[in-house]
PDB file of N, CA and C in Angstrom:
ATOM      1  N   UNK A   1     118.399  97.871  89.454  1.00  0.00           N
ATOM      2  CA  UNK A   1     117.264  98.751  89.607  1.00  0.00           C
ATOM      3  C   UNK A   1     117.425  99.931  88.644  1.00  0.00           C
ATOM      4  N   UNK A   2     116.390 100.226  87.899  1.00  0.00           N
ATOM      5  CA  UNK A   2     116.407 101.366  86.985  1.00  0.00           C
ATOM      6  C   UNK A   2     115.494 102.439  87.558  1.00  0.00           C
ATOM      7  N   UNK A   3     116.090 103.567  87.876  1.00  0.00           N
ATOM      8  CA  UNK A   3     115.332 104.683  88.424  1.00  0.00           C
ATOM      9  C   UNK A   3     115.256 105.800  87.400  1.00  0.00           C
ATOM     10  N   UNK A   4     114.137 106.518  87.415  1.00  0.00           N
ATOM     11  CA  UNK A   4     114.070 107.756  86.657  1.00  0.00           C
ATOM     12  C   UNK A   4     113.745 108.875  87.630  1.00  0.00           C
ATOM     13  N   UNK A   5     114.092 110.076  87.250  1.00  0.00           N
ATOM     14  CA  UNK A   5     113.909 111.242  88.098  1.00  0.00           C
ATOM     15  C   UNK A   5     112.776 112.094  87.558  1.00  0.00           C
ATOM     16  N   UNK A   6     111.781 112.362  88.416  1.00  0.00           N
ATOM     17  CA  UNK A   6     110.583 113.093  88.003  1.00  0.00           C
ATOM     18  C   UNK A   6     110.369 114.286  88.919  1.00  0.00           C
ATOM     19  N   UNK A   7     110.054 115.437  88.328  1.00  0.00           N
ATOM     20  CA  UNK A   7     109.687 116.625  89.093  1.00  0.00           C
ATOM     21  C   UNK A   7     108.276 116.416  89.628  1.00  0.00           C
ATOM     22  N   UNK A   8     108.154 116.329  90.937  1.00  0.00           N
ATOM     23  CA  UNK A   8     106.862 116.074  91.579  1.00  0.00           C
ATOM     24  C   UNK A   8     105.849 117.190  91.274  1.00  0.00           C
ATOM     25  N   UNK A   9     106.318 118.407  91.063  1.00  0.00           N
ATOM     26  CA  UNK A   9     105.424 119.547  90.830  1.00  0.00           C
ATOM     27  C   UNK A   9     104.848 119.568  89.425  1.00  0.00           C
ATOM     28  N   UNK A  10     105.664 119.180  88.429  1.00  0.00           N
ATOM     29  CA  UNK A  10     105.229 119.303  87.037  1.00  0.00           C
ATOM     30  C   UNK A  10     105.032 117.961  86.341  1.00  0.00           C
ATOM     31  N   UNK A  11     105.589 116.901  86.894  1.00  0.00           N
ATOM     32  CA  UNK A  11     105.538 115.592  86.230  1.00  0.00           C
ATOM     33  C   UNK A  11     106.608 115.418  85.170  1.00  0.00           C
ATOM     34  N   UNK A  12     107.449 116.427  84.970  1.00  0.00           N
ATOM     35  CA  UNK A  12     108.505 116.353  83.966  1.00  0.00           C
ATOM     36  C   UNK A  12     109.523 115.280  84.342  1.00  0.00           C
ATOM     37  N   UNK A  13     109.873 114.434  83.380  1.00  0.00           N
ATOM     38  CA  UNK A  13     110.944 113.462  83.571  1.00  0.00           C
ATOM     39  C   UNK A  13     112.257 114.187  83.296  1.00  0.00           C
ATOM     40  N   UNK A  14     113.100 114.257  84.311  1.00  0.00           N
ATOM     41  CA  UNK A  14     114.356 115.003  84.210  1.00  0.00           C
ATOM     42  C   UNK A  14     115.487 114.109  83.718  1.00  0.00           C
ATOM     43  N   UNK A  15     115.490 112.847  84.142  1.00  0.00           N
ATOM     44  CA  UNK A  15     116.489 111.876  83.683  1.00  0.00           C
ATOM     45  C   UNK A  15     115.847 110.493  83.699  1.00  0.00           C
ATOM     46  N   UNK A  16     116.252 109.666  82.747  1.00  0.00           N
ATOM     47  CA  UNK A  16     115.628 108.349  82.607  1.00  0.00           C
ATOM     48  C   UNK A  16     116.485 107.210  83.139  1.00  0.00           C
ATOM     49  N   UNK A  17     117.728 107.486  83.473  1.00  0.00           N
ATOM     50  CA  UNK A  17     118.626 106.438  83.953  1.00  0.00           C
ATOM     51  C   UNK A  17     119.464 106.979  85.108  1.00  0.00           C
ATOM     52  N   UNK A  18     118.977 106.767  86.335  1.00  0.00           N
ATOM     53  CA  UNK A  18     119.649 107.288  87.526  1.00  0.00           C
ATOM     54  C   UNK A  18     120.495 106.191  88.157  1.00  0.00           C
ATOM     55  N   UNK A  19     121.779 106.451  88.247  1.00  0.00           N
ATOM     56  CA  UNK A  19     122.694 105.572  88.969  1.00  0.00           C
ATOM     57  C   UNK A  19     122.750 106.078  90.414  1.00  0.00           C
ATOM     58  N   UNK A  20     122.924 105.174  91.374  1.00  0.00           N
ATOM     59  CA  UNK A  20     122.973 105.586  92.774  1.00  0.00           C
ATOM     60  C   UNK A  20     124.347 105.323  93.371  1.00  0.00           C
ATOM     61  N   UNK A  21     124.733 106.201  94.292  1.00  0.00           N
ATOM     62  CA  UNK A  21     125.978 106.048  95.052  1.00  0.00           C
ATOM     63  C   UNK A  21     125.620 106.305  96.510  1.00  0.00           C
ATOM     64  N   UNK A  22     125.286 105.227  97.214  1.00  0.00           N
ATOM     65  CA  UNK A  22     124.791 105.354  98.586  1.00  0.00           C
ATOM     66  C   UNK A  22     125.734 104.749  99.623  1.00  0.00           C
ATOM     67  N   UNK A  23     126.812 104.118  99.204  1.00  0.00           N
ATOM     68  CA  UNK A  23     127.779 103.582 100.155  1.00  0.00           C
ATOM     69  C   UNK A  23     129.138 104.265  99.918  1.00  0.00           C
ATOM     70  N   UNK A  24     130.086 104.010 100.798  1.00  0.00           N
ATOM     71  CA  UNK A  24     131.333 104.775 100.800  1.00  0.00           C
ATOM     72  C   UNK A  24     132.063 104.798  99.459  1.00  0.00           C
ATOM     73  N   UNK A  25     132.401 103.637  98.902  1.00  0.00           N
ATOM     74  CA  UNK A  25     133.229 103.629  97.685  1.00  0.00           C
ATOM     75  C   UNK A  25     132.528 104.245  96.478  1.00  0.00           C
ATOM     76  N   UNK A  26     131.271 103.919  96.207  1.00  0.00           N
ATOM     77  CA  UNK A  26     130.611 104.598  95.077  1.00  0.00           C
ATOM     78  C   UNK A  26     130.510 106.117  95.277  1.00  0.00           C
ATOM     79  N   UNK A  27     130.287 106.567  96.518  1.00  0.00           N
ATOM     80  CA  UNK A  27     130.242 108.013  96.782  1.00  0.00           C
ATOM     81  C   UNK A  27     131.623 108.624  96.588  1.00  0.00           C
ATOM     82  N   UNK A  28     132.646 107.939  97.076  1.00  0.00           N
ATOM     83  CA  UNK A  28     134.015 108.430  96.946  1.00  0.00           C
ATOM     84  C   UNK A  28     134.415 108.564  95.478  1.00  0.00           C
ATOM     85  N   UNK A  29     134.113 107.559  94.686  1.00  0.00           N
ATOM     86  CA  UNK A  29     134.494 107.551  93.272  1.00  0.00           C
ATOM     87  C   UNK A  29     133.652 108.521  92.448  1.00  0.00           C
ATOM     88  N   UNK A  30     132.340 108.555  92.692  1.00  0.00           N
ATOM     89  CA  UNK A  30     131.475 109.450  91.929  1.00  0.00           C
ATOM     90  C   UNK A  30     131.688 109.292  90.436  1.00  0.00           C
ATOM     91  N   UNK A  31     131.948 110.397  89.758  1.00  0.00           N
ATOM     92  CA  UNK A  31     132.169 110.387  88.307  1.00  0.00           C
ATOM     93  C   UNK A  31     133.640 110.538  87.940  1.00  0.00           C
ATOM     94  N   UNK A  32     134.522 110.444  88.947  1.00  0.00           N
ATOM     95  CA  UNK A  32     135.949 110.603  88.676  1.00  0.00           C
ATOM     96  C   UNK A  32     136.428 109.568  87.662  1.00  0.00           C
ATOM     97  N   UNK A  33     137.267 110.021  86.770  1.00  0.00           N
ATOM     98  CA  UNK A  33     137.970 109.199  85.777  1.00  0.00           C
ATOM     99  C   UNK A  33     137.076 108.640  84.667  1.00  0.00           C
ATOM    100  N   UNK A  34     135.794 108.934  84.678  1.00  0.00           N
ATOM    101  CA  UNK A  34     134.944 108.511  83.556  1.00  0.00           C
ATOM    102  C   UNK A  34     135.195 109.445  82.378  1.00  0.00           C
ATOM    103  N   UNK A  35     135.021 108.911  81.179  1.00  0.00           N
ATOM    104  CA  UNK A  35     135.236 109.720  79.978  1.00  0.00           C
ATOM    105  C   UNK A  35     134.061 110.633  79.688  1.00  0.00           C
ATOM    106  N   UNK A  36     132.860 110.174  80.000  1.00  0.00           N
ATOM    107  CA  UNK A  36     131.666 110.962  79.734  1.00  0.00           C
ATOM    108  C   UNK A  36     130.492 110.368  80.501  1.00  0.00           C
ATOM    109  N   UNK A  37     129.333 110.947  80.262  1.00  0.00           N
ATOM    110  CA  UNK A  37     128.101 110.473  80.891  1.00  0.00           C
ATOM    111  C   UNK A  37     127.017 110.582  79.820  1.00  0.00           C
ATOM    112  N   UNK A  38     126.283 109.502  79.567  1.00  0.00           N
ATOM    113  CA  UNK A  38     125.278 109.546  78.504  1.00  0.00           C
ATOM    114  C   UNK A  38     124.151 110.544  78.787  1.00  0.00           C
ATOM    115  N   UNK A  39     123.625 111.115  77.734  1.00  0.00           N
ATOM    116  CA  UNK A  39     122.477 112.010  77.850  1.00  0.00           C
ATOM    117  C   UNK A  39     121.312 111.234  78.472  1.00  0.00           C
ATOM    118  N   UNK A  40     120.575 111.871  79.356  1.00  0.00           N
ATOM    119  CA  UNK A  40     119.440 111.235  80.012  1.00  0.00           C
ATOM    120  C   UNK A  40     119.807 110.496  81.284  1.00  0.00           C
ATOM    121  N   UNK A  41     121.105 110.462  81.598  1.00  0.00           N
ATOM    122  CA  UNK A  41     121.536 109.769  82.805  1.00  0.00           C
ATOM    123  C   UNK A  41     121.922 110.774  83.883  1.00  0.00           C
ATOM    124  N   UNK A  42     122.070 110.270  85.105  1.00  0.00           N
ATOM    125  CA  UNK A  42     122.474 111.095  86.235  1.00  0.00           C
ATOM    126  C   UNK A  42     122.995 110.194  87.337  1.00  0.00           C
ATOM    127  N   UNK A  43     123.690 110.792  88.290  1.00  0.00           N
ATOM    128  CA  UNK A  43     124.205 110.077  89.450  1.00  0.00           C
ATOM    129  C   UNK A  43     123.670 110.750  90.699  1.00  0.00           C
ATOM    130  N   UNK A  44     122.959 109.986  91.543  1.00  0.00           N
ATOM    131  CA  UNK A  44     122.468 110.494  92.826  1.00  0.00           C
ATOM    132  C   UNK A  44     123.431 110.036  93.911  1.00  0.00           C
ATOM    133  N   UNK A  45     124.034 110.995  94.616  1.00  0.00           N
ATOM    134  CA  UNK A  45     124.993 110.702  95.673  1.00  0.00           C
ATOM    135  C   UNK A  45     124.367 111.119  97.004  1.00  0.00           C
ATOM    136  N   UNK A  46     124.264 110.158  97.920  1.00  0.00           N
ATOM    137  CA  UNK A  46     123.644 110.437  99.211  1.00  0.00           C
ATOM    138  C   UNK A  46     124.254 109.551 100.290  1.00  0.00           C
ATOM    139  N   UNK A  47     124.578 110.106 101.463  1.00  0.00           N
ATOM    140  CA  UNK A  47     124.550 111.531 101.779  1.00  0.00           C
ATOM    141  C   UNK A  47     125.723 112.240 101.117  1.00  0.00           C
ATOM    142  N   UNK A  48     125.514 113.496 100.783  1.00  0.00           N
ATOM    143  CA  UNK A  48     126.531 114.286 100.103  1.00  0.00           C
ATOM    144  C   UNK A  48     126.097 115.751 100.094  1.00  0.00           C
ATOM    145  N   UNK A  49     126.584 116.565 101.036  1.00  0.00           N
ATOM    146  CA  UNK A  49     126.172 117.964 101.079  1.00  0.00           C
ATOM    147  C   UNK A  49     126.884 118.874 100.081  1.00  0.00           C
ATOM    148  N   UNK A  50     128.037 118.428  99.544  1.00  0.00           N
ATOM    149  CA  UNK A  50     128.774 119.252  98.587  1.00  0.00           C
ATOM    150  C   UNK A  50     129.624 118.351  97.702  1.00  0.00           C
ATOM    151  N   UNK A  51     130.130 118.914  96.604  1.00  0.00           N
ATOM    152  CA  UNK A  51     130.889 118.102  95.649  1.00  0.00           C
ATOM    153  C   UNK A  51     132.137 118.833  95.157  1.00  0.00           C
ATOM    154  N   UNK A  52     132.961 118.097  94.446  1.00  0.00           N
ATOM    155  CA  UNK A  52     134.088 118.666  93.696  1.00  0.00           C
ATOM    156  C   UNK A  52     134.161 117.924  92.368  1.00  0.00           C
ATOM    157  N   UNK A  53     134.890 118.513  91.430  1.00  0.00           N
ATOM    158  CA  UNK A  53     135.058 117.869  90.126  1.00  0.00           C
ATOM    159  C   UNK A  53     136.524 117.559  89.833  1.00  0.00           C
ATOM    160  N   UNK A  54     137.329 117.366  90.880  1.00  0.00           N
ATOM    161  CA  UNK A  54     138.719 116.975  90.689  1.00  0.00           C
ATOM    162  C   UNK A  54     138.764 115.591  90.038  1.00  0.00           C
ATOM    163  N   UNK A  55     139.704 115.395  89.154  1.00  0.00           N
ATOM    164  CA  UNK A  55     139.918 114.136  88.437  1.00  0.00           C
ATOM    165  C   UNK A  55     138.756 113.766  87.517  1.00  0.00           C
ATOM    166  N   UNK A  56     137.937 114.743  87.189  1.00  0.00           N
ATOM    167  CA  UNK A  56     136.862 114.510  86.215  1.00  0.00           C
ATOM    168  C   UNK A  56     137.302 115.010  84.851  1.00  0.00           C
ATOM    169  N   UNK A  57     136.694 114.454  83.810  1.00  0.00           N
ATOM    170  CA  UNK A  57     137.091 114.778  82.442  1.00  0.00           C
ATOM    171  C   UNK A  57     136.026 115.564  81.680  1.00  0.00           C
ATOM    172  N   UNK A  58     134.919 115.904  82.351  1.00  0.00           N
ATOM    173  CA  UNK A  58     133.845 116.624  81.670  1.00  0.00           C
ATOM    174  C   UNK A  58     133.094 117.481  82.688  1.00  0.00           C
ATOM    175  N   UNK A  59     132.383 118.468  82.195  1.00  0.00           N
ATOM    176  CA  UNK A  59     131.600 119.372  83.042  1.00  0.00           C
ATOM    177  C   UNK A  59     130.265 118.726  83.392  1.00  0.00           C
ATOM    178  N   UNK A  60     129.695 119.167  84.523  1.00  0.00           N
ATOM    179  CA  UNK A  60     128.421 118.601  84.977  1.00  0.00           C
ATOM    180  C   UNK A  60     127.471 119.696  85.449  1.00  0.00           C
ATOM    181  N   UNK A  61     126.185 119.380  85.404  1.00  0.00           N
ATOM    182  CA  UNK A  61     125.139 120.169  86.048  1.00  0.00           C
ATOM    183  C   UNK A  61     124.815 119.469  87.363  1.00  0.00           C
ATOM    184  N   UNK A  62     124.474 120.227  88.386  1.00  0.00           N
ATOM    185  CA  UNK A  62     124.216 119.646  89.706  1.00  0.00           C
ATOM    186  C   UNK A  62     122.938 120.200  90.306  1.00  0.00           C
ATOM    187  N   UNK A  63     122.149 119.304  90.911  1.00  0.00           N
ATOM    188  CA  UNK A  63     121.026 119.693  91.758  1.00  0.00           C
ATOM    189  C   UNK A  63     121.394 119.306  93.184  1.00  0.00           C
ATOM    190  N   UNK A  64     121.220 120.234  94.111  1.00  0.00           N
ATOM    191  CA  UNK A  64     121.455 119.988  95.528  1.00  0.00           C
ATOM    192  C   UNK A  64     120.100 119.805  96.192  1.00  0.00           C
ATOM    193  N   UNK A  65     119.941 118.727  96.963  1.00  0.00           N
ATOM    194  CA  UNK A  65     118.657 118.391  97.576  1.00  0.00           C
ATOM    195  C   UNK A  65     118.749 118.370  99.096  1.00  0.00           C
ATOM    196  N   UNK A  66     117.606 118.668  99.746  1.00  0.00           N
ATOM    197  CA  UNK A  66     117.514 118.477 101.192  1.00  0.00           C
ATOM    198  C   UNK A  66     116.988 117.065 101.454  1.00  0.00           C
ATOM    199  N   UNK A  67     116.701 116.765 102.705  1.00  0.00           N
ATOM    200  CA  UNK A  67     116.237 115.410 103.063  1.00  0.00           C
ATOM    201  C   UNK A  67     114.868 115.065 102.482  1.00  0.00           C
ATOM    202  N   UNK A  68     114.100 116.061 102.079  1.00  0.00           N
ATOM    203  CA  UNK A  68     112.776 115.831 101.488  1.00  0.00           C
ATOM    204  C   UNK A  68     112.847 115.755  99.965  1.00  0.00           C
ATOM    205  N   UNK A  69     114.052 115.694  99.418  1.00  0.00           N
ATOM    206  CA  UNK A  69     114.285 115.697  97.965  1.00  0.00           C
ATOM    207  C   UNK A  69     113.756 116.957  97.297  1.00  0.00           C
ATOM    208  N   UNK A  70     113.827 118.069  98.018  1.00  0.00           N
ATOM    209  CA  UNK A  70     113.487 119.370  97.452  1.00  0.00           C
ATOM    210  C   UNK A  70     114.778 120.034  96.980  1.00  0.00           C
ATOM    211  N   UNK A  71     114.720 120.676  95.824  1.00  0.00           N
ATOM    212  CA  UNK A  71     115.903 121.336  95.275  1.00  0.00           C
ATOM    213  C   UNK A  71     116.183 122.594  96.093  1.00  0.00           C
ATOM    214  N   UNK A  72     117.395 122.658  96.664  1.00  0.00           N
ATOM    215  CA  UNK A  72     117.782 123.838  97.438  1.00  0.00           C
ATOM    216  C   UNK A  72     118.879 124.631  96.732  1.00  0.00           C
ATOM    217  N   UNK A  73     119.414 124.082  95.646  1.00  0.00           N
ATOM    218  CA  UNK A  73     120.435 124.788  94.885  1.00  0.00           C
ATOM    219  C   UNK A  73     120.703 124.085  93.572  1.00  0.00           C
ATOM    220  N   UNK A  74     121.264 124.859  92.635  1.00  0.00           N
ATOM    221  CA  UNK A  74     121.582 124.337  91.310  1.00  0.00           C
ATOM    222  C   UNK A  74     122.893 124.944  90.839  1.00  0.00           C
ATOM    223  N   UNK A  75     123.636 124.186  90.058  1.00  0.00           N
ATOM    224  CA  UNK A  75     124.801 124.710  89.353  1.00  0.00           C
ATOM    225  C   UNK A  75     124.788 124.127  87.951  1.00  0.00           C
ATOM    226  N   UNK A  76     125.177 124.950  87.006  1.00  0.00           N
ATOM    227  CA  UNK A  76     125.228 124.493  85.621  1.00  0.00           C
ATOM    228  C   UNK A  76     126.663 124.550  85.106  1.00  0.00           C
ATOM    229  N   UNK A  77     127.036 123.502  84.385  1.00  0.00           N
ATOM    230  CA  UNK A  77     128.327 123.430  83.681  1.00  0.00           C
ATOM    231  C   UNK A  77     129.526 123.672  84.599  1.00  0.00           C
ATOM    232  N   UNK A  78     129.555 122.998  85.741  1.00  0.00           N
ATOM    233  CA  UNK A  78     130.722 123.076  86.621  1.00  0.00           C
ATOM    234  C   UNK A  78     131.848 122.286  85.959  1.00  0.00           C
ATOM    235  N   UNK A  79     132.934 122.963  85.661  1.00  0.00           N
ATOM    236  CA  UNK A  79     134.017 122.332  84.904  1.00  0.00           C
ATOM    237  C   UNK A  79     134.931 121.508  85.814  1.00  0.00           C
ATOM    238  N   UNK A  80     135.724 120.617  85.204  1.00  0.00           N
ATOM    239  CA  UNK A  80     136.650 119.793  85.985  1.00  0.00           C
ATOM    240  C   UNK A  80     137.614 120.641  86.821  1.00  0.00           C
ATOM    241  N   UNK A  81     137.971 120.108  87.996  1.00  0.00           N
ATOM    242  CA  UNK A  81     138.930 120.776  88.859  1.00  0.00           C
ATOM    243  C   UNK A  81     138.351 121.863  89.746  1.00  0.00           C
ATOM    244  N   UNK A  82     137.049 121.896  89.909  1.00  0.00           N
ATOM    245  CA  UNK A  82     136.381 122.947  90.697  1.00  0.00           C
ATOM    246  C   UNK A  82     135.712 122.361  91.938  1.00  0.00           C
ATOM    247  N   UNK A  83     135.380 123.247  92.874  1.00  0.00           N
ATOM    248  CA  UNK A  83     134.619 122.874  94.059  1.00  0.00           C
ATOM    249  C   UNK A  83     133.226 123.450  93.896  1.00  0.00           C
ATOM    250  N   UNK A  84     132.210 122.620  94.123  1.00  0.00           N
ATOM    251  CA  UNK A  84     130.835 123.069  93.997  1.00  0.00           C
ATOM    252  C   UNK A  84     130.422 123.931  95.178  1.00  0.00           C
ATOM    253  N   UNK A  85     129.296 124.587  95.028  1.00  0.00           N
ATOM    254  CA  UNK A  85     128.750 125.421  96.098  1.00  0.00           C
ATOM    255  C   UNK A  85     128.290 124.546  97.256  1.00  0.00           C
ATOM    256  N   UNK A  86     128.096 125.172  98.387  1.00  0.00           N
ATOM    257  CA  UNK A  86     127.570 124.473  99.560  1.00  0.00           C
ATOM    258  C   UNK A  86     126.299 125.206  99.971  1.00  0.00           C
ATOM    259  N   UNK A  87     125.216 124.436 100.134  1.00  0.00           N
ATOM    260  CA  UNK A  87     123.925 125.013 100.484  1.00  0.00           C
ATOM    261  C   UNK A  87     123.495 124.512 101.861  1.00  0.00           C
ATOM    262  N   UNK A  88     123.019 125.412 102.699  1.00  0.00           N
ATOM    263  CA  UNK A  88     122.536 125.039 104.022  1.00  0.00           C
ATOM    264  C   UNK A  88     121.410 124.025 103.887  1.00  0.00           C
ATOM    265  N   UNK A  89     121.499 122.940 104.635  1.00  0.00           N
ATOM    266  CA  UNK A  89     120.470 121.907 104.586  1.00  0.00           C
ATOM    267  C   UNK A  89     120.687 120.873 103.511  1.00  0.00           C
ATOM    268  N   UNK A  90     121.819 120.958 102.806  1.00  0.00           N
ATOM    269  CA  UNK A  90     122.103 119.997 101.742  1.00  0.00           C
ATOM    270  C   UNK A  90     122.296 118.592 102.281  1.00  0.00           C
ATOM    271  N   UNK A  91     121.651 117.639 101.646  1.00  0.00           N
ATOM    272  CA  UNK A  91     121.754 116.242 102.074  1.00  0.00           C
ATOM    273  C   UNK A  91     122.254 115.329 100.955  1.00  0.00           C
ATOM    274  N   UNK A  92     121.899 115.636  99.712  1.00  0.00           N
ATOM    275  CA  UNK A  92     122.348 114.820  98.587  1.00  0.00           C
ATOM    276  C   UNK A  92     122.475 115.686  97.346  1.00  0.00           C
ATOM    277  N   UNK A  93     123.124 115.123  96.327  1.00  0.00           N
ATOM    278  CA  UNK A  93     123.275 115.818  95.050  1.00  0.00           C
ATOM    279  C   UNK A  93     122.922 114.871  93.920  1.00  0.00           C
ATOM    280  N   UNK A  94     122.525 115.464  92.814  1.00  0.00           N
ATOM    281  CA  UNK A  94     122.328 114.708  91.582  1.00  0.00           C
ATOM    282  C   UNK A  94     123.210 115.370  90.531  1.00  0.00           C
ATOM    283  N   UNK A  95     124.087 114.575  89.920  1.00  0.00           N
ATOM    284  CA  UNK A  95     125.010 115.071  88.916  1.00  0.00           C
ATOM    285  C   UNK A  95     124.557 114.600  87.533  1.00  0.00           C
ATOM    286  N   UNK A  96     124.535 115.547  86.589  1.00  0.00           N
ATOM    287  CA  UNK A  96     124.084 115.301  85.218  1.00  0.00           C
ATOM    288  C   UNK A  96     125.176 115.732  84.242  1.00  0.00           C
ATOM    289  N   UNK A  97     125.151 115.234  83.004  1.00  0.00           N
ATOM    290  CA  UNK A  97     126.043 115.804  81.995  1.00  0.00           C
ATOM    291  C   UNK A  97     125.721 117.287  81.820  1.00  0.00           C
ATOM    292  N   UNK A  98     126.733 118.094  81.597  1.00  0.00           N
ATOM    293  CA  UNK A  98     126.521 119.532  81.414  1.00  0.00           C
ATOM    294  C   UNK A  98     125.510 119.773  80.293  1.00  0.00           C
ATOM    295  N   UNK A  99     124.615 120.707  80.515  1.00  0.00           N
ATOM    296  CA  UNK A  99     123.582 121.052  79.545  1.00  0.00           C
ATOM    297  C   UNK A  99     122.257 120.364  79.809  1.00  0.00           C
ATOM    298  N   UNK A 100     122.246 119.358  80.675  1.00  0.00           N
ATOM    299  CA  UNK A 100     121.022 118.600  80.950  1.00  0.00           C
ATOM    300  C   UNK A 100     119.927 119.471  81.562  1.00  0.00           C
ATOM    301  N   UNK A 101     120.304 120.433  82.389  1.00  0.00           N
ATOM    302  CA  UNK A 101     119.299 121.262  83.062  1.00  0.00           C
ATOM    303  C   UNK A 101     118.884 122.475  82.237  1.00  0.00           C
ATOM    304  N   UNK A 102     119.593 122.709  81.131  1.00  0.00           N
ATOM    305  CA  UNK A 102     119.300 123.885  80.306  1.00  0.00           C
ATOM    306  C   UNK A 102     117.863 123.883  79.780  1.00  0.00           C
ATOM    307  N   UNK A 103     117.395 122.754  79.319  1.00  0.00           N
ATOM    308  CA  UNK A 103     116.044 122.674  78.757  1.00  0.00           C
ATOM    309  C   UNK A 103     115.003 122.176  79.754  1.00  0.00           C
ATOM    310  N   UNK A 104     115.428 121.966  80.983  1.00  0.00           N
ATOM    311  CA  UNK A 104     114.519 121.472  82.012  1.00  0.00           C
ATOM    312  C   UNK A 104     113.822 122.648  82.700  1.00  0.00           C
ATOM    313  N   UNK A 105     112.617 122.377  83.194  1.00  0.00           N
ATOM    314  CA  UNK A 105     111.848 123.417  83.878  1.00  0.00           C
ATOM    315  C   UNK A 105     112.013 123.348  85.396  1.00  0.00           C
ATOM    316  N   UNK A 106     113.002 122.587  85.896  1.00  0.00           N
ATOM    317  CA  UNK A 106     113.178 122.479  87.347  1.00  0.00           C
ATOM    318  C   UNK A 106     113.664 123.799  87.925  1.00  0.00           C
ATOM    319  N   UNK A 107     113.215 124.069  89.147  1.00  0.00           N
ATOM    320  CA  UNK A 107     113.585 125.299  89.848  1.00  0.00           C
ATOM    321  C   UNK A 107     113.882 124.983  91.308  1.00  0.00           C
ATOM    322  N   UNK A 108     114.616 125.854  91.948  1.00  0.00           N
ATOM    323  CA  UNK A 108     114.814 125.741  93.390  1.00  0.00           C
ATOM    324  C   UNK A 108     113.439 125.748  94.044  1.00  0.00           C
ATOM    325  N   UNK A 109     113.230 124.815  94.955  1.00  0.00           N
ATOM    326  CA  UNK A 109     111.941 124.668  95.633  1.00  0.00           C
ATOM    327  C   UNK A 109     111.123 123.501  95.115  1.00  0.00           C
ATOM    328  N   UNK A 110     111.403 123.035  93.903  1.00  0.00           N
ATOM    329  CA  UNK A 110     110.686 121.873  93.370  1.00  0.00           C
ATOM    330  C   UNK A 110     111.078 120.621  94.147  1.00  0.00           C
ATOM    331  N   UNK A 111     110.159 119.700  94.270  1.00  0.00           N
ATOM    332  CA  UNK A 111     110.415 118.407  94.907  1.00  0.00           C
ATOM    333  C   UNK A 111     110.567 117.354  93.817  1.00  0.00           C
ATOM    334  N   UNK A 112     111.465 116.401  94.047  1.00  0.00           N
ATOM    335  CA  UNK A 112     111.755 115.369  93.058  1.00  0.00           C
ATOM    336  C   UNK A 112     111.406 113.989  93.596  1.00  0.00           C
ATOM    337  N   UNK A 113     111.047 113.094  92.687  1.00  0.00           N
ATOM    338  CA  UNK A 113     110.774 111.703  93.026  1.00  0.00           C
ATOM    339  C   UNK A 113     111.700 110.809  92.218  1.00  0.00           C
ATOM    340  N   UNK A 114     112.225 109.777  92.873  1.00  0.00           N
ATOM    341  CA  UNK A 114     112.981 108.727  92.201  1.00  0.00           C
ATOM    342  C   UNK A 114     112.008 107.587  91.986  1.00  0.00           C
ATOM    343  N   UNK A 115     111.717 107.283  90.732  1.00  0.00           N
ATOM    344  CA  UNK A 115     110.686 106.302  90.396  1.00  0.00           C
ATOM    345  C   UNK A 115     111.339 105.041  89.862  1.00  0.00           C
ATOM    346  N   UNK A 116     111.008 103.914  90.500  1.00  0.00           N
ATOM    347  CA  UNK A 116     111.501 102.612  90.058  1.00  0.00           C
ATOM    348  C   UNK A 116     110.590 102.170  88.906  1.00  0.00           C
ATOM    349  N   UNK A 117     111.137 102.108  87.704  1.00  0.00           N
ATOM    350  CA  UNK A 117     110.343 101.804  86.517  1.00  0.00           C
ATOM    351  C   UNK A 117     109.743 100.406  86.532  1.00  0.00           C
ATOM    352  N   UNK A 118     110.279  99.524  87.355  1.00  0.00           N
ATOM    353  CA  UNK A 118     109.711  98.166  87.427  1.00  0.00           C
ATOM    354  C   UNK A 118     108.317  98.185  88.032  1.00  0.00           C
ATOM    355  N   UNK A 119     107.968  99.199  88.776  1.00  0.00           N
ATOM    356  CA  UNK A 119     106.696  99.233  89.510  1.00  0.00           C
ATOM    357  C   UNK A 119     105.708 100.230  88.936  1.00  0.00           C
ATOM    358  N   UNK A 120     105.988 100.743  87.755  1.00  0.00           N
ATOM    359  CA  UNK A 120     105.043 101.694  87.131  1.00  0.00           C
ATOM    360  C   UNK A 120     103.912 100.952  86.452  1.00  0.00           C
TER     361      UNK A 120
END
């Protein structure tokens, strides 16, 4: 399944290749031990109220979402070996290569959609 991430408020495509981690082992592994992450890609981890970057080799940008896929928090360029913030009501996170959110117009409060490109 190929998912893309779209800001429901603006229609902006935030990422074109969303990987999912919805079961125990993919959530546990996350991005640990990977060398990098391609531009335009992201990892959606659910359920996941908070994250860490231990055993990671690169920095990431993070969007924290509630159950309605509304952005409740953001972090930019969280470096390896750190613990991410914790936001009340957090249900899932989306991890991007560092710098991905710099040129994006997403803001706290925006709602996001995961769009299956096969059905567009």
